[in-house]
Each structure stands twice: as structure tokens, then as C-alpha cells.
N, C-alpha and C. Protein backbone atom coordinates (compact mmCIF):
# COMPACT_ATOMS: atom_id res chain seq x y z
N UNK A 1 -2.93 -29.70 0.07
CA UNK A 1 -3.64 -29.41 1.31
C UNK A 1 -4.11 -27.96 1.26
N UNK A 2 -5.38 -27.76 1.49
CA UNK A 2 -5.94 -26.41 1.48
C UNK A 2 -5.91 -25.85 2.90
N UNK A 3 -5.11 -24.82 3.10
CA UNK A 3 -4.93 -24.23 4.43
C UNK A 3 -6.24 -23.71 4.99
N UNK A 4 -7.06 -23.13 4.14
CA UNK A 4 -8.29 -22.50 4.61
C UNK A 4 -9.41 -23.51 4.89
N UNK A 5 -9.22 -24.76 4.52
CA UNK A 5 -10.23 -25.78 4.77
C UNK A 5 -10.16 -26.31 6.20
N UNK A 6 -9.08 -26.05 6.91
CA UNK A 6 -8.91 -26.55 8.27
C UNK A 6 -9.42 -25.53 9.28
N UNK A 7 -9.91 -26.02 10.40
CA UNK A 7 -10.43 -25.15 11.45
C UNK A 7 -9.35 -24.74 12.44
N UNK A 8 -8.16 -25.26 12.30
CA UNK A 8 -7.07 -24.92 13.21
C UNK A 8 -6.29 -23.73 12.68
N UNK A 9 -5.57 -23.03 13.55
CA UNK A 9 -4.75 -21.89 13.10
C UNK A 9 -3.69 -22.34 12.09
N UNK A 10 -3.38 -21.45 11.18
CA UNK A 10 -2.36 -21.74 10.18
C UNK A 10 -1.64 -20.45 9.82
N UNK A 11 -0.44 -20.60 9.31
CA UNK A 11 0.34 -19.46 8.85
C UNK A 11 0.29 -19.44 7.33
N UNK A 12 -0.05 -18.28 6.77
CA UNK A 12 -0.13 -18.13 5.33
C UNK A 12 0.82 -17.01 4.93
N UNK A 13 1.76 -17.31 4.05
CA UNK A 13 2.70 -16.30 3.58
C UNK A 13 2.15 -15.68 2.30
N UNK A 14 2.07 -14.37 2.30
CA UNK A 14 1.54 -13.64 1.14
C UNK A 14 2.61 -12.67 0.66
N UNK A 15 2.94 -12.73 -0.60
CA UNK A 15 3.93 -11.83 -1.17
C UNK A 15 3.21 -10.62 -1.77
N UNK A 16 3.63 -9.44 -1.38
CA UNK A 16 3.04 -8.22 -1.91
C UNK A 16 4.15 -7.27 -2.35
N UNK A 17 3.77 -6.27 -3.11
CA UNK A 17 4.74 -5.24 -3.49
C UNK A 17 5.09 -4.42 -2.26
N UNK A 18 6.34 -4.01 -2.16
CA UNK A 18 6.81 -3.26 -0.99
C UNK A 18 6.01 -1.98 -0.80
N UNK A 19 5.61 -1.35 -1.87
CA UNK A 19 4.92 -0.07 -1.79
C UNK A 19 3.41 -0.20 -1.97
N UNK A 20 2.86 -1.38 -1.81
CA UNK A 20 1.42 -1.58 -1.98
C UNK A 20 0.65 -0.84 -0.90
N UNK A 21 -0.31 -0.04 -1.31
CA UNK A 21 -1.15 0.69 -0.36
C UNK A 21 -2.40 -0.11 -0.04
N UNK A 22 -2.83 -0.04 1.19
CA UNK A 22 -4.14 -0.60 1.54
C UNK A 22 -5.05 0.60 1.75
N UNK A 23 -6.00 0.74 0.86
CA UNK A 23 -6.87 1.92 0.88
C UNK A 23 -8.24 1.49 1.39
N UNK A 24 -8.73 2.16 2.44
CA UNK A 24 -10.06 1.83 2.95
C UNK A 24 -11.14 2.30 1.97
N UNK A 25 -12.37 1.78 2.10
CA UNK A 25 -13.45 2.18 1.19
C UNK A 25 -13.72 3.69 1.20
N UNK A 26 -13.56 4.31 2.33
CA UNK A 26 -13.76 5.76 2.43
C UNK A 26 -12.54 6.37 3.11
N UNK A 27 -11.94 7.36 2.47
CA UNK A 27 -10.75 8.01 3.01
C UNK A 27 -11.18 9.25 3.77
N UNK A 28 -10.72 9.35 5.02
CA UNK A 28 -11.07 10.51 5.84
C UNK A 28 -10.13 11.68 5.54
N UNK A 29 -10.53 12.85 5.94
CA UNK A 29 -9.71 14.04 5.76
C UNK A 29 -8.39 13.89 6.53
N UNK A 30 -8.44 13.30 7.70
CA UNK A 30 -7.23 13.07 8.50
C UNK A 30 -6.25 12.14 7.77
N UNK A 31 -6.76 11.08 7.13
CA UNK A 31 -5.91 10.17 6.38
C UNK A 31 -5.28 10.86 5.18
N UNK A 32 -6.06 11.65 4.45
CA UNK A 32 -5.54 12.39 3.30
C UNK A 32 -4.48 13.39 3.75
N UNK A 33 -4.72 14.04 4.86
CA UNK A 33 -3.76 14.99 5.41
C UNK A 33 -2.45 14.28 5.78
N UNK A 34 -2.55 13.13 6.41
CA UNK A 34 -1.37 12.36 6.79
C UNK A 34 -0.57 11.92 5.57
N UNK A 35 -1.25 11.48 4.52
CA UNK A 35 -0.55 11.06 3.31
C UNK A 35 0.12 12.25 2.63
N UNK A 36 -0.56 13.39 2.63
CA UNK A 36 0.02 14.60 2.04
C UNK A 36 1.29 15.00 2.78
N UNK A 37 1.26 14.95 4.11
CA UNK A 37 2.46 15.28 4.90
C UNK A 37 3.59 14.30 4.62
N UNK A 38 3.25 13.01 4.49
CA UNK A 38 4.26 12.00 4.15
C UNK A 38 4.90 12.33 2.80
N UNK A 39 4.07 12.66 1.81
CA UNK A 39 4.58 12.95 0.47
C UNK A 39 5.50 14.17 0.48
N UNK A 40 5.10 15.20 1.19
CA UNK A 40 5.92 16.42 1.26
C UNK A 40 7.25 16.13 1.95
N UNK A 41 7.21 15.42 3.09
CA UNK A 41 8.46 15.08 3.80
C UNK A 41 9.37 14.21 2.94
N UNK A 42 8.78 13.29 2.20
CA UNK A 42 9.57 12.40 1.34
C UNK A 42 10.29 13.19 0.27
N UNK A 43 9.60 14.10 -0.37
CA UNK A 43 10.21 14.91 -1.43
C UNK A 43 11.28 15.83 -0.86
N UNK A 44 10.96 16.50 0.25
CA UNK A 44 11.91 17.45 0.83
C UNK A 44 13.17 16.78 1.38
N UNK A 45 13.07 15.51 1.73
CA UNK A 45 14.23 14.80 2.25
C UNK A 45 15.06 14.15 1.13
N UNK A 46 14.67 14.40 -0.11
CA UNK A 46 15.44 13.88 -1.23
C UNK A 46 15.11 12.45 -1.62
N UNK A 47 13.99 11.92 -1.13
CA UNK A 47 13.60 10.55 -1.46
C UNK A 47 12.43 10.53 -2.43
N UNK A 48 12.44 11.41 -3.40
CA UNK A 48 11.35 11.51 -4.38
C UNK A 48 11.13 10.21 -5.14
N UNK A 49 12.22 9.46 -5.37
CA UNK A 49 12.08 8.18 -6.09
C UNK A 49 11.19 7.21 -5.32
N UNK A 50 11.23 7.27 -4.00
CA UNK A 50 10.37 6.41 -3.17
C UNK A 50 8.91 6.74 -3.43
N UNK A 51 8.60 8.02 -3.53
CA UNK A 51 7.22 8.44 -3.79
C UNK A 51 6.79 8.03 -5.21
N UNK A 52 7.69 8.18 -6.17
CA UNK A 52 7.38 7.76 -7.55
C UNK A 52 7.15 6.26 -7.62
N UNK A 53 7.91 5.49 -6.85
CA UNK A 53 7.73 4.04 -6.80
C UNK A 53 6.36 3.71 -6.22
N UNK A 54 5.98 4.40 -5.17
CA UNK A 54 4.67 4.22 -4.55
C UNK A 54 3.55 4.50 -5.55
N UNK A 55 3.66 5.61 -6.26
CA UNK A 55 2.63 5.99 -7.24
C UNK A 55 2.58 4.99 -8.38
N UNK A 56 3.73 4.65 -8.95
CA UNK A 56 3.72 3.75 -10.10
C UNK A 56 3.19 2.37 -9.73
N UNK A 57 3.55 1.87 -8.56
CA UNK A 57 3.07 0.56 -8.12
C UNK A 57 1.55 0.55 -7.99
N UNK A 58 0.99 1.57 -7.38
CA UNK A 58 -0.43 1.57 -7.09
C UNK A 58 -1.28 2.04 -8.26
N UNK A 59 -0.80 2.96 -9.06
CA UNK A 59 -1.56 3.40 -10.23
C UNK A 59 -1.63 2.26 -11.25
N UNK A 60 -0.51 1.57 -11.44
CA UNK A 60 -0.49 0.45 -12.39
C UNK A 60 -1.49 -0.62 -11.97
N UNK A 61 -1.60 -0.90 -10.70
CA UNK A 61 -2.55 -1.93 -10.23
C UNK A 61 -4.00 -1.49 -10.45
N UNK A 62 -4.27 -0.22 -10.30
CA UNK A 62 -5.64 0.29 -10.50
C UNK A 62 -6.02 0.23 -11.98
N UNK A 63 -5.07 0.54 -12.85
CA UNK A 63 -5.34 0.55 -14.29
C UNK A 63 -5.50 -0.87 -14.84
N UNK A 64 -4.68 -1.79 -14.33
CA UNK A 64 -4.67 -3.16 -14.87
C UNK A 64 -5.76 -4.04 -14.28
N UNK A 65 -6.56 -3.55 -13.41
CA UNK A 65 -7.65 -4.38 -12.83
C UNK A 65 -8.72 -4.67 -13.82
């Protein structure tokens, strides 16, 4: 059964990587500033591995496309 072939509402479960970023076509200065602040806070709080996981997940996807 193809869920998208029906005109009625349906629930679709999609599995994604925990650290997958959704990047808009154009990144604003405010968005870049917010991400920079997140990265700095993450490193300063001792969660650098979280940031490395984020980078490795998203860089690998860009390279393997």
C-alpha cells in the first residue's frame, strides 16, 4: 500500500540521524550567529564530542552525495 497515493491523512515514520541538520537554501547572518553560539557553548560545557558527532554526521552526508 502506497501511503502517498491516498488522499486521506496518514502517519509516516522517518528514521534520521540524531544529529542531522536541516539547512535552508540560504543561511542568514542570524542563523550563522546562533549556530556559532551553540558551538561555543557546547565546547565550553565539555560536550565537544556532541559537536564532533554533529560535524561528522553532516560532513559525511555532504561528501557521499
